[in-house]
Each structure stands twice: as C-alpha cells, then as structure tokens.
C-alpha cells in the first residue's frame, strides 16, 4: 500500500500504511413467513457497522515514538475522523482494539488494530445524484415559510454533519457563515447540505441573498463537481494547486467532494 495515500485516524497519520487491512460488513434482514400465501418475504434491515482490522509494523529509530503516538490516539475518548485510501466509504470510526508485539531490539514494533464504524457513506460515483433544482427532491421549506432549493445562499449558525440524519459533527461550529446549498434531502433530520462542509438542521440556516454572490477579485470562476472528480484533477484542469481550491472552498477533507457541489476556482 506504499503507493497509496496515507491512512489517518484523528490526528495520527501513518508514515507507511499497515501491511494488511480487512474490511468486513454484514447486512441484517428479517424473514417474514406467510403460510396463507405459501411463501415468505425478506425485509432489508440495512447494513450493520463496518469493521476494519489490520496489522503493520513500525521500524527504524522512531519506531517506539510512532507506537507511543498511536497509543495516545487510541487512549483519547470517542470516535474520530478516519481515512483509508481504499475503504473511502468510512469517514468516522472508533478504534476498539490495539495490540503490540515487540522484539528484543530498539527499532521495531509490530501492531494490530480494529476500527468500528456505523457511519458509512455511499461511493462517490453514486452518492447524492442531484436532480434539477426546484424539484420535490431538492427543496425544503424553512422556518419562515420560504422554499430553499439547491443553489440558494444560506447563512449558517450551527454544526455541519456527515449525513443528513446527523452523525457526530466533523467541522467546527459555523457562525454567520454564508454558504451555497449543494444538496437537499427533504426526508432527513438535517436536510440542508452547505458547500462541502456537511448537513445542517433547518433551524440552523436562514435563507440569504439567493442571487449569485459576486466573485471576489481572486476568484476566476466556478466548477461543478462530477462523479469521479478529484481536487487534484480539477486543479490540473485549471493549472492551479489543488490545495488552493480546497482553501478557497473551506474543504476539510480533500478526499471527499460530492457530485453537484459548485466549487470556487481561485486565480492561483
């Protein structure tokens, strides 16, 4: 996995990715029998938590320091942001197990781990395919009775969440921050997705100026994300570093951009 980007959990980044990682997911179901119909029906109860296990090793003069840093992250309370270069549907996880095996030398630690997550997001090529703005699937009514659709500008005061059903917040608290509505899930408890920040409650957003905001002097235009796009590829298209696009759009996780999101493209 050395050619892939680095695995991360909370504030720990693997210098070299673990040697092995295993992804395990199960799907619950209920079987309903109908004797009068001489048959039965399977009811889909949705996927259970995903479990990611693996093992690796730290070697070299900083082996013990790397192990100590990982152990400290494990000791911290609560779930945290998780990134794996292949298992990209997992974004929030809890490290539930950490083991070590040491040889009688100063520069080697073998380890194994287990992560559990129930915050699995669909692959980027199928997630949040947005219909035309204004349809029943892309509009909701705010607490003032005004309809909010994809493309509207809203003023945000609250937390943005991973999903429209409210996972642990993954961004800082937004205070009087203007953002463009990129997705709407009118069935969710947090139905408004703002920019690339996440999903918010209706009570935490207010409809602002729905006219397109005037670009600042350092913005050359906008780009709408398509399935399969990456910030690196978009940056190459416009001849600018991908980090500049991430910064201009306040993107916290550069590996997670949604189809349909309108990105501001800076001049440099």
C-alpha atoms as a PDB file:
ATOM      1  CA  UNK A   1       0.000   0.000   0.000  1.00  0.00           C
ATOM      2  CA  UNK A   2       3.063   2.247  -0.081  1.00  0.00           C
ATOM      3  CA  UNK A   3       1.953   3.854  -3.383  1.00  0.00           C
ATOM      4  CA  UNK A   4      -1.386   4.906  -1.893  1.00  0.00           C
ATOM      5  CA  UNK A   5      -2.092   7.994   0.169  1.00  0.00           C
ATOM      6  CA  UNK A   6      -1.607   7.678   3.913  1.00  0.00           C
ATOM      7  CA  UNK A   7      -4.185   6.175   6.271  1.00  0.00           C
ATOM      8  CA  UNK A   8      -5.294   8.590   9.013  1.00  0.00           C
ATOM      9  CA  UNK A   9      -7.222   8.456  12.279  1.00  0.00           C
ATOM     10  CA  UNK A  10      -7.934  11.575  14.340  1.00  0.00           C
ATOM     11  CA  UNK A  11      -4.575  13.410  14.442  1.00  0.00           C
ATOM     12  CA  UNK A  12      -2.404  10.352  13.656  1.00  0.00           C
ATOM     13  CA  UNK A  13      -1.121   9.762  10.110  1.00  0.00           C
ATOM     14  CA  UNK A  14       0.653   6.558   9.125  1.00  0.00           C
ATOM     15  CA  UNK A  15       4.083   7.255   7.625  1.00  0.00           C
ATOM     16  CA  UNK A  16       3.850   3.824   5.982  1.00  0.00           C
ATOM     17  CA  UNK A  17       0.440   2.225   5.603  1.00  0.00           C
ATOM     18  CA  UNK A  18      -0.295  -1.009   7.504  1.00  0.00           C
ATOM     19  CA  UNK A  19       0.769  -4.250   5.773  1.00  0.00           C
ATOM     20  CA  UNK A  20      -2.768  -5.643   5.710  1.00  0.00           C
ATOM     21  CA  UNK A  21      -6.277  -4.268   6.153  1.00  0.00           C
ATOM     22  CA  UNK A  22      -9.529  -6.229   6.122  1.00  0.00           C
ATOM     23  CA  UNK A  23     -12.970  -4.711   5.577  1.00  0.00           C
ATOM     24  CA  UNK A  24     -15.935  -6.598   6.999  1.00  0.00           C
ATOM     25  CA  UNK A  25     -19.602  -5.606   6.715  1.00  0.00           C
ATOM     26  CA  UNK A  26     -22.825  -7.519   7.283  1.00  0.00           C
ATOM     27  CA  UNK A  27     -26.406  -6.729   6.390  1.00  0.00           C
ATOM     28  CA  UNK A  28     -29.280  -7.540   8.742  1.00  0.00           C
ATOM     29  CA  UNK A  29     -32.567  -8.859   7.466  1.00  0.00           C
ATOM     30  CA  UNK A  30     -35.837 -10.239   8.769  1.00  0.00           C
ATOM     31  CA  UNK A  31     -37.663 -13.169   7.213  1.00  0.00           C
ATOM     32  CA  UNK A  32     -41.447 -12.972   7.283  1.00  0.00           C
ATOM     33  CA  UNK A  33     -43.377 -16.163   6.561  1.00  0.00           C
ATOM     34  CA  UNK A  34     -46.867 -16.069   5.038  1.00  0.00           C
ATOM     35  CA  UNK A  35     -48.366 -19.589   5.256  1.00  0.00           C
ATOM     36  CA  UNK A  36     -51.568 -18.498   3.585  1.00  0.00           C
ATOM     37  CA  UNK A  37     -49.542 -17.481   0.530  1.00  0.00           C
ATOM     38  CA  UNK A  38     -47.177 -20.463   0.720  1.00  0.00           C
ATOM     39  CA  UNK A  39     -44.233 -18.128   0.690  1.00  0.00           C
ATOM     40  CA  UNK A  40     -42.051 -15.689   2.610  1.00  0.00           C
ATOM     41  CA  UNK A  41     -40.534 -12.229   2.268  1.00  0.00           C
ATOM     42  CA  UNK A  42     -37.123 -10.847   3.241  1.00  0.00           C
ATOM     43  CA  UNK A  43     -37.112  -7.392   4.823  1.00  0.00           C
ATOM     44  CA  UNK A  44     -33.897  -5.411   4.396  1.00  0.00           C
ATOM     45  CA  UNK A  45     -32.805  -4.005   7.790  1.00  0.00           C
ATOM     46  CA  UNK A  46     -29.862  -2.067   6.290  1.00  0.00           C
ATOM     47  CA  UNK A  47     -26.115  -2.661   6.848  1.00  0.00           C
ATOM     48  CA  UNK A  48     -24.659  -3.117  10.320  1.00  0.00           C
ATOM     49  CA  UNK A  49     -21.450  -1.488  11.499  1.00  0.00           C
ATOM     50  CA  UNK A  50     -18.361  -1.898   9.333  1.00  0.00           C
ATOM     51  CA  UNK A  51     -15.289  -3.446  10.994  1.00  0.00           C
ATOM     52  CA  UNK A  52     -11.806  -2.712   9.656  1.00  0.00           C
ATOM     53  CA  UNK A  53      -8.933  -4.792  11.031  1.00  0.00           C
ATOM     54  CA  UNK A  54      -5.281  -4.877  10.076  1.00  0.00           C
ATOM     55  CA  UNK A  55      -1.682  -5.164  11.119  1.00  0.00           C
ATOM     56  CA  UNK A  56       1.574  -3.405  10.419  1.00  0.00           C
ATOM     57  CA  UNK A  57       4.929  -2.527  11.890  1.00  0.00           C
ATOM     58  CA  UNK A  58       6.987   0.466  12.904  1.00  0.00           C
ATOM     59  CA  UNK A  59      10.706   0.169  12.278  1.00  0.00           C
ATOM     60  CA  UNK A  60      13.674   2.482  12.484  1.00  0.00           C
ATOM     61  CA  UNK A  61      14.908   4.882  15.119  1.00  0.00           C
ATOM     62  CA  UNK A  62      11.448   6.393  15.645  1.00  0.00           C
ATOM     63  CA  UNK A  63       9.611   3.071  15.970  1.00  0.00           C
ATOM     64  CA  UNK A  64       8.852   3.465  19.681  1.00  0.00           C
ATOM     65  CA  UNK A  65       7.871   7.111  19.222  1.00  0.00           C
ATOM     66  CA  UNK A  66       5.388   6.189  16.471  1.00  0.00           C
ATOM     67  CA  UNK A  67       3.922   3.438  18.632  1.00  0.00           C
ATOM     68  CA  UNK A  68       3.579   5.799  21.595  1.00  0.00           C
ATOM     69  CA  UNK A  69       1.810   8.377  19.407  1.00  0.00           C
ATOM     70  CA  UNK A  70      -0.647   5.766  18.106  1.00  0.00           C
ATOM     71  CA  UNK A  71      -1.260   4.509  21.635  1.00  0.00           C
ATOM     72  CA  UNK A  72      -2.028   8.073  22.757  1.00  0.00           C
ATOM     73  CA  UNK A  73      -4.601   8.492  19.974  1.00  0.00           C
ATOM     74  CA  UNK A  74      -6.218   5.180  20.963  1.00  0.00           C
ATOM     75  CA  UNK A  75      -6.494   6.422  24.562  1.00  0.00           C
ATOM     76  CA  UNK A  76      -8.474   9.522  23.517  1.00  0.00           C
ATOM     77  CA  UNK A  77     -12.205   9.282  24.139  1.00  0.00           C
ATOM     78  CA  UNK A  78     -14.725   8.995  21.343  1.00  0.00           C
ATOM     79  CA  UNK A  79     -14.859   8.326  17.625  1.00  0.00           C
ATOM     80  CA  UNK A  80     -12.852  10.435  15.208  1.00  0.00           C
ATOM     81  CA  UNK A  81     -12.313  11.226  11.553  1.00  0.00           C
ATOM     82  CA  UNK A  82     -10.984   8.214   9.665  1.00  0.00           C
ATOM     83  CA  UNK A  83      -9.448   7.958   6.188  1.00  0.00           C
ATOM     84  CA  UNK A  84      -8.345   4.847   4.339  1.00  0.00           C
ATOM     85  CA  UNK A  85      -7.129   5.165   0.718  1.00  0.00           C
ATOM     86  CA  UNK A  86      -9.259   2.206  -0.432  1.00  0.00           C
ATOM     87  CA  UNK A  87     -12.137   1.966   2.054  1.00  0.00           C
ATOM     88  CA  UNK A  88     -13.248   5.524   1.311  1.00  0.00           C
ATOM     89  CA  UNK A  89     -16.868   4.959   2.363  1.00  0.00           C
ATOM     90  CA  UNK A  90     -15.811   5.093   6.036  1.00  0.00           C
ATOM     91  CA  UNK A  91     -15.319   8.617   7.370  1.00  0.00           C
ATOM     92  CA  UNK A  92     -15.953   8.336  11.106  1.00  0.00           C
ATOM     93  CA  UNK A  93     -14.736   5.416  13.214  1.00  0.00           C
ATOM     94  CA  UNK A  94     -13.873   4.279  16.721  1.00  0.00           C
ATOM     95  CA  UNK A  95     -10.636   2.376  17.350  1.00  0.00           C
ATOM     96  CA  UNK A  96     -11.779  -0.511  19.528  1.00  0.00           C
ATOM     97  CA  UNK A  97      -8.616  -2.619  19.741  1.00  0.00           C
ATOM     98  CA  UNK A  98      -4.846  -2.027  19.606  1.00  0.00           C
ATOM     99  CA  UNK A  99      -2.196  -4.699  20.206  1.00  0.00           C
ATOM    100  CA  UNK A 100       1.605  -4.635  20.015  1.00  0.00           C
ATOM    101  CA  UNK A 101       4.381  -7.212  19.711  1.00  0.00           C
ATOM    102  CA  UNK A 102       7.978  -6.140  20.311  1.00  0.00           C
ATOM    103  CA  UNK A 103      11.245  -7.879  19.522  1.00  0.00           C
ATOM    104  CA  UNK A 104      14.345  -7.525  21.718  1.00  0.00           C
ATOM    105  CA  UNK A 105      15.689  -4.555  19.802  1.00  0.00           C
ATOM    106  CA  UNK A 106      15.227  -0.795  19.931  1.00  0.00           C
ATOM    107  CA  UNK A 107      13.816  -0.146  16.476  1.00  0.00           C
ATOM    108  CA  UNK A 108      10.836  -2.451  15.897  1.00  0.00           C
ATOM    109  CA  UNK A 109       7.184  -2.689  16.973  1.00  0.00           C
ATOM    110  CA  UNK A 110       4.581  -4.916  15.287  1.00  0.00           C
ATOM    111  CA  UNK A 111       0.962  -3.924  15.893  1.00  0.00           C
ATOM    112  CA  UNK A 112      -2.619  -4.851  15.038  1.00  0.00           C
ATOM    113  CA  UNK A 113      -5.824  -2.827  15.281  1.00  0.00           C
ATOM    114  CA  UNK A 114      -9.583  -2.812  14.903  1.00  0.00           C
ATOM    115  CA  UNK A 115     -11.874   0.043  13.861  1.00  0.00           C
ATOM    116  CA  UNK A 116     -15.670   0.006  14.018  1.00  0.00           C
ATOM    117  CA  UNK A 117     -17.883   2.433  12.113  1.00  0.00           C
ATOM    118  CA  UNK A 118     -21.613   2.771  11.533  1.00  0.00           C
ATOM    119  CA  UNK A 119     -21.180   5.997   9.546  1.00  0.00           C
ATOM    120  CA  UNK A 120     -20.683   4.535   6.083  1.00  0.00           C
ATOM    121  CA  UNK A 121     -21.338   6.774   3.107  1.00  0.00           C
ATOM    122  CA  UNK A 122     -22.141   5.523  -0.393  1.00  0.00           C
ATOM    123  CA  UNK A 123     -19.324   5.515  -3.005  1.00  0.00           C
ATOM    124  CA  UNK A 124     -18.675   8.866  -4.633  1.00  0.00           C
ATOM    125  CA  UNK A 125     -19.994   7.714  -8.030  1.00  0.00           C
ATOM    126  CA  UNK A 126     -23.473   7.041  -6.600  1.00  0.00           C
ATOM    127  CA  UNK A 127     -23.786   9.453  -3.676  1.00  0.00           C
ATOM    128  CA  UNK A 128     -26.189  12.341  -3.821  1.00  0.00           C
ATOM    129  CA  UNK A 129     -27.044  12.415  -7.503  1.00  0.00           C
ATOM    130  CA  UNK A 130     -28.906  15.750  -7.554  1.00  0.00           C
ATOM    131  CA  UNK A 131     -31.966  16.315  -9.781  1.00  0.00           C
ATOM    132  CA  UNK A 132     -32.789  19.722 -11.229  1.00  0.00           C
ATOM    133  CA  UNK A 133     -33.130  22.475  -8.599  1.00  0.00           C
ATOM    134  CA  UNK A 134     -36.699  23.142  -7.548  1.00  0.00           C
ATOM    135  CA  UNK A 135     -37.953  19.560  -7.727  1.00  0.00           C
ATOM    136  CA  UNK A 136     -39.508  17.940  -4.663  1.00  0.00           C
ATOM    137  CA  UNK A 137     -36.233  16.095  -4.032  1.00  0.00           C
ATOM    138  CA  UNK A 138     -34.159  19.270  -3.894  1.00  0.00           C
ATOM    139  CA  UNK A 139     -36.312  21.719  -1.994  1.00  0.00           C
ATOM    140  CA  UNK A 140     -37.467  22.228   1.578  1.00  0.00           C
ATOM    141  CA  UNK A 141     -39.366  24.974   3.371  1.00  0.00           C
ATOM    142  CA  UNK A 142     -37.514  26.883   6.096  1.00  0.00           C
ATOM    143  CA  UNK A 143     -38.991  28.142   9.377  1.00  0.00           C
ATOM    144  CA  UNK A 144     -40.090  31.394   7.728  1.00  0.00           C
ATOM    145  CA  UNK A 145     -42.148  29.583   5.089  1.00  0.00           C
ATOM    146  CA  UNK A 146     -39.675  30.273   2.280  1.00  0.00           C
ATOM    147  CA  UNK A 147     -38.568  27.451  -0.014  1.00  0.00           C
ATOM    148  CA  UNK A 148     -34.861  26.600  -0.108  1.00  0.00           C
ATOM    149  CA  UNK A 149     -33.502  24.890  -3.217  1.00  0.00           C
ATOM    150  CA  UNK A 150     -30.082  23.769  -4.440  1.00  0.00           C
ATOM    151  CA  UNK A 151     -28.082  26.840  -5.432  1.00  0.00           C
ATOM    152  CA  UNK A 152     -29.551  29.158  -2.787  1.00  0.00           C
ATOM    153  CA  UNK A 153     -27.262  31.068  -0.428  1.00  0.00           C
ATOM    154  CA  UNK A 154     -27.947  30.461   3.272  1.00  0.00           C
ATOM    155  CA  UNK A 155     -26.496  31.919   6.456  1.00  0.00           C
ATOM    156  CA  UNK A 156     -25.317  29.113   8.770  1.00  0.00           C
ATOM    157  CA  UNK A 157     -25.230  29.119  12.572  1.00  0.00           C
ATOM    158  CA  UNK A 158     -24.621  25.601  13.890  1.00  0.00           C
ATOM    159  CA  UNK A 159     -22.766  22.349  13.226  1.00  0.00           C
ATOM    160  CA  UNK A 160     -22.415  20.645   9.857  1.00  0.00           C
ATOM    161  CA  UNK A 161     -22.785  16.858   9.977  1.00  0.00           C
ATOM    162  CA  UNK A 162     -21.552  13.878   7.975  1.00  0.00           C
ATOM    163  CA  UNK A 163     -25.021  12.696   6.986  1.00  0.00           C
ATOM    164  CA  UNK A 164     -28.498  14.143   6.652  1.00  0.00           C
ATOM    165  CA  UNK A 165     -29.500  12.023   9.643  1.00  0.00           C
ATOM    166  CA  UNK A 166     -26.937  13.567  11.991  1.00  0.00           C
ATOM    167  CA  UNK A 167     -23.648  11.800  12.736  1.00  0.00           C
ATOM    168  CA  UNK A 168     -21.065  13.362  15.051  1.00  0.00           C
ATOM    169  CA  UNK A 169     -20.124  16.856  13.789  1.00  0.00           C
ATOM    170  CA  UNK A 170     -16.999  16.860  11.659  1.00  0.00           C
ATOM    171  CA  UNK A 171     -16.431  20.591  11.286  1.00  0.00           C
ATOM    172  CA  UNK A 172     -16.109  23.479  13.661  1.00  0.00           C
ATOM    173  CA  UNK A 173     -19.182  25.453  14.640  1.00  0.00           C
ATOM    174  CA  UNK A 174     -20.319  27.720  11.801  1.00  0.00           C
ATOM    175  CA  UNK A 175     -21.168  31.248  12.885  1.00  0.00           C
ATOM    176  CA  UNK A 176     -22.892  33.674  10.488  1.00  0.00           C
ATOM    177  CA  UNK A 177     -21.234  31.863   7.588  1.00  0.00           C
ATOM    178  CA  UNK A 178     -22.736  32.222   4.119  1.00  0.00           C
ATOM    179  CA  UNK A 179     -22.671  29.032   2.032  1.00  0.00           C
ATOM    180  CA  UNK A 180     -24.321  27.732  -1.126  1.00  0.00           C
ATOM    181  CA  UNK A 181     -26.823  24.856  -0.756  1.00  0.00           C
ATOM    182  CA  UNK A 182     -25.345  21.926  -2.698  1.00  0.00           C
ATOM    183  CA  UNK A 183     -27.793  19.138  -1.786  1.00  0.00           C
ATOM    184  CA  UNK A 184     -31.197  18.737  -0.140  1.00  0.00           C
ATOM    185  CA  UNK A 185     -32.643  15.631   1.497  1.00  0.00           C
ATOM    186  CA  UNK A 186     -36.158  16.626   2.497  1.00  0.00           C
ATOM    187  CA  UNK A 187     -36.579  13.387   4.482  1.00  0.00           C
ATOM    188  CA  UNK A 188     -33.504  13.930   6.665  1.00  0.00           C
ATOM    189  CA  UNK A 189     -33.406  15.445  10.128  1.00  0.00           C
ATOM    190  CA  UNK A 190     -30.561  17.651   8.825  1.00  0.00           C
ATOM    191  CA  UNK A 191     -31.859  18.259   5.283  1.00  0.00           C
ATOM    192  CA  UNK A 192     -29.577  21.048   4.048  1.00  0.00           C
ATOM    193  CA  UNK A 193     -26.046  20.325   2.762  1.00  0.00           C
ATOM    194  CA  UNK A 194     -23.941  23.507   2.602  1.00  0.00           C
ATOM    195  CA  UNK A 195     -20.874  23.729   0.369  1.00  0.00           C
ATOM    196  CA  UNK A 196     -18.513  20.837   1.131  1.00  0.00           C
ATOM    197  CA  UNK A 197     -18.984  21.273   4.892  1.00  0.00           C
ATOM    198  CA  UNK A 198     -21.873  18.897   5.573  1.00  0.00           C
ATOM    199  CA  UNK A 199     -25.549  18.670   6.523  1.00  0.00           C
ATOM    200  CA  UNK A 200     -27.373  21.085   8.817  1.00  0.00           C
ATOM    201  CA  UNK A 201     -30.715  21.437  10.610  1.00  0.00           C
ATOM    202  CA  UNK A 202     -33.290  23.768   9.070  1.00  0.00           C
ATOM    203  CA  UNK A 203     -33.300  25.769  12.293  1.00  0.00           C
ATOM    204  CA  UNK A 204     -29.547  26.413  11.886  1.00  0.00           C
ATOM    205  CA  UNK A 205     -29.786  28.010   8.428  1.00  0.00           C
ATOM    206  CA  UNK A 206     -31.560  31.101   7.169  1.00  0.00           C
ATOM    207  CA  UNK A 207     -32.201  31.921   3.543  1.00  0.00           C
ATOM    208  CA  UNK A 208     -29.895  34.705   2.449  1.00  0.00           C
ATOM    209  CA  UNK A 209     -29.471  36.504  -0.842  1.00  0.00           C
ATOM    210  CA  UNK A 210     -30.470  33.929  -3.477  1.00  0.00           C
ATOM    211  CA  UNK A 211     -28.777  35.877  -6.221  1.00  0.00           C
ATOM    212  CA  UNK A 212     -25.354  34.634  -7.170  1.00  0.00           C
ATOM    213  CA  UNK A 213     -22.721  36.213  -4.990  1.00  0.00           C
ATOM    214  CA  UNK A 214     -20.279  38.478  -6.748  1.00  0.00           C
ATOM    215  CA  UNK A 215     -16.905  36.786  -7.180  1.00  0.00           C
ATOM    216  CA  UNK A 216     -14.026  38.271  -5.252  1.00  0.00           C
ATOM    217  CA  UNK A 217     -11.003  39.547  -7.130  1.00  0.00           C
ATOM    218  CA  UNK A 218      -9.088  36.314  -6.503  1.00  0.00           C
ATOM    219  CA  UNK A 219     -11.816  34.013  -7.910  1.00  0.00           C
ATOM    220  CA  UNK A 220     -11.731  33.276 -11.650  1.00  0.00           C
ATOM    221  CA  UNK A 221     -14.925  31.213 -11.837  1.00  0.00           C
ATOM    222  CA  UNK A 222     -16.732  28.120 -10.601  1.00  0.00           C
ATOM    223  CA  UNK A 223     -16.730  24.391 -11.375  1.00  0.00           C
ATOM    224  CA  UNK A 224     -19.467  21.819 -10.716  1.00  0.00           C
ATOM    225  CA  UNK A 225     -18.122  18.523  -9.380  1.00  0.00           C
ATOM    226  CA  UNK A 226     -18.923  15.376 -11.386  1.00  0.00           C
ATOM    227  CA  UNK A 227     -18.796  11.742 -10.281  1.00  0.00           C
ATOM    228  CA  UNK A 228     -15.172  10.543 -10.262  1.00  0.00           C
ATOM    229  CA  UNK A 229     -13.662  14.044  -9.960  1.00  0.00           C
ATOM    230  CA  UNK A 230     -10.739  14.727  -7.613  1.00  0.00           C
ATOM    231  CA  UNK A 231      -9.356  18.043  -6.404  1.00  0.00           C
ATOM    232  CA  UNK A 232      -6.008  17.121  -7.968  1.00  0.00           C
ATOM    233  CA  UNK A 233      -7.591  16.624 -11.404  1.00  0.00           C
ATOM    234  CA  UNK A 234      -9.651  19.811 -11.128  1.00  0.00           C
ATOM    235  CA  UNK A 235      -6.547  21.761 -10.113  1.00  0.00           C
ATOM    236  CA  UNK A 236      -4.649  20.352 -13.095  1.00  0.00           C
ATOM    237  CA  UNK A 237      -7.517  21.346 -15.412  1.00  0.00           C
ATOM    238  CA  UNK A 238      -7.241  24.966 -14.275  1.00  0.00           C
ATOM    239  CA  UNK A 239      -3.466  24.987 -13.800  1.00  0.00           C
ATOM    240  CA  UNK A 240      -3.524  25.677 -10.059  1.00  0.00           C
ATOM    241  CA  UNK A 241      -2.578  23.604  -6.971  1.00  0.00           C
ATOM    242  CA  UNK A 242      -5.452  21.516  -5.587  1.00  0.00           C
ATOM    243  CA  UNK A 243      -4.700  22.886  -2.110  1.00  0.00           C
ATOM    244  CA  UNK A 244      -5.691  26.372  -3.324  1.00  0.00           C
ATOM    245  CA  UNK A 245      -9.120  25.059  -4.378  1.00  0.00           C
ATOM    246  CA  UNK A 246      -9.544  23.315  -1.030  1.00  0.00           C
ATOM    247  CA  UNK A 247      -8.645  26.517   0.815  1.00  0.00           C
ATOM    248  CA  UNK A 248     -10.953  28.717  -1.298  1.00  0.00           C
ATOM    249  CA  UNK A 249     -13.892  26.390  -0.574  1.00  0.00           C
ATOM    250  CA  UNK A 250     -13.077  25.610   3.073  1.00  0.00           C
ATOM    251  CA  UNK A 251     -12.824  21.870   2.287  1.00  0.00           C
ATOM    252  CA  UNK A 252     -11.720  19.990   5.419  1.00  0.00           C
ATOM    253  CA  UNK A 253     -11.370  16.545   3.805  1.00  0.00           C
ATOM    254  CA  UNK A 254      -9.827  16.822   0.299  1.00  0.00           C
ATOM    255  CA  UNK A 255     -10.667  13.173  -0.382  1.00  0.00           C
ATOM    256  CA  UNK A 256     -14.400  13.821  -0.030  1.00  0.00           C
ATOM    257  CA  UNK A 257     -16.102  16.022  -2.621  1.00  0.00           C
ATOM    258  CA  UNK A 258     -19.715  15.489  -3.683  1.00  0.00           C
ATOM    259  CA  UNK A 259     -21.061  15.385  -7.239  1.00  0.00           C
ATOM    260  CA  UNK A 260     -23.094  18.518  -7.829  1.00  0.00           C
ATOM    261  CA  UNK A 261     -21.008  20.696  -5.493  1.00  0.00           C
ATOM    262  CA  UNK A 262     -20.162  24.081  -7.004  1.00  0.00           C
ATOM    263  CA  UNK A 263     -16.524  24.925  -6.295  1.00  0.00           C
ATOM    264  CA  UNK A 264     -14.995  28.388  -6.452  1.00  0.00           C
ATOM    265  CA  UNK A 265     -11.868  28.354  -8.621  1.00  0.00           C
ATOM    266  CA  UNK A 266      -9.185  30.812  -7.385  1.00  0.00           C
ATOM    267  CA  UNK A 267      -6.884  32.661  -9.742  1.00  0.00           C
ATOM    268  CA  UNK A 268      -3.778  30.984  -8.303  1.00  0.00           C
END
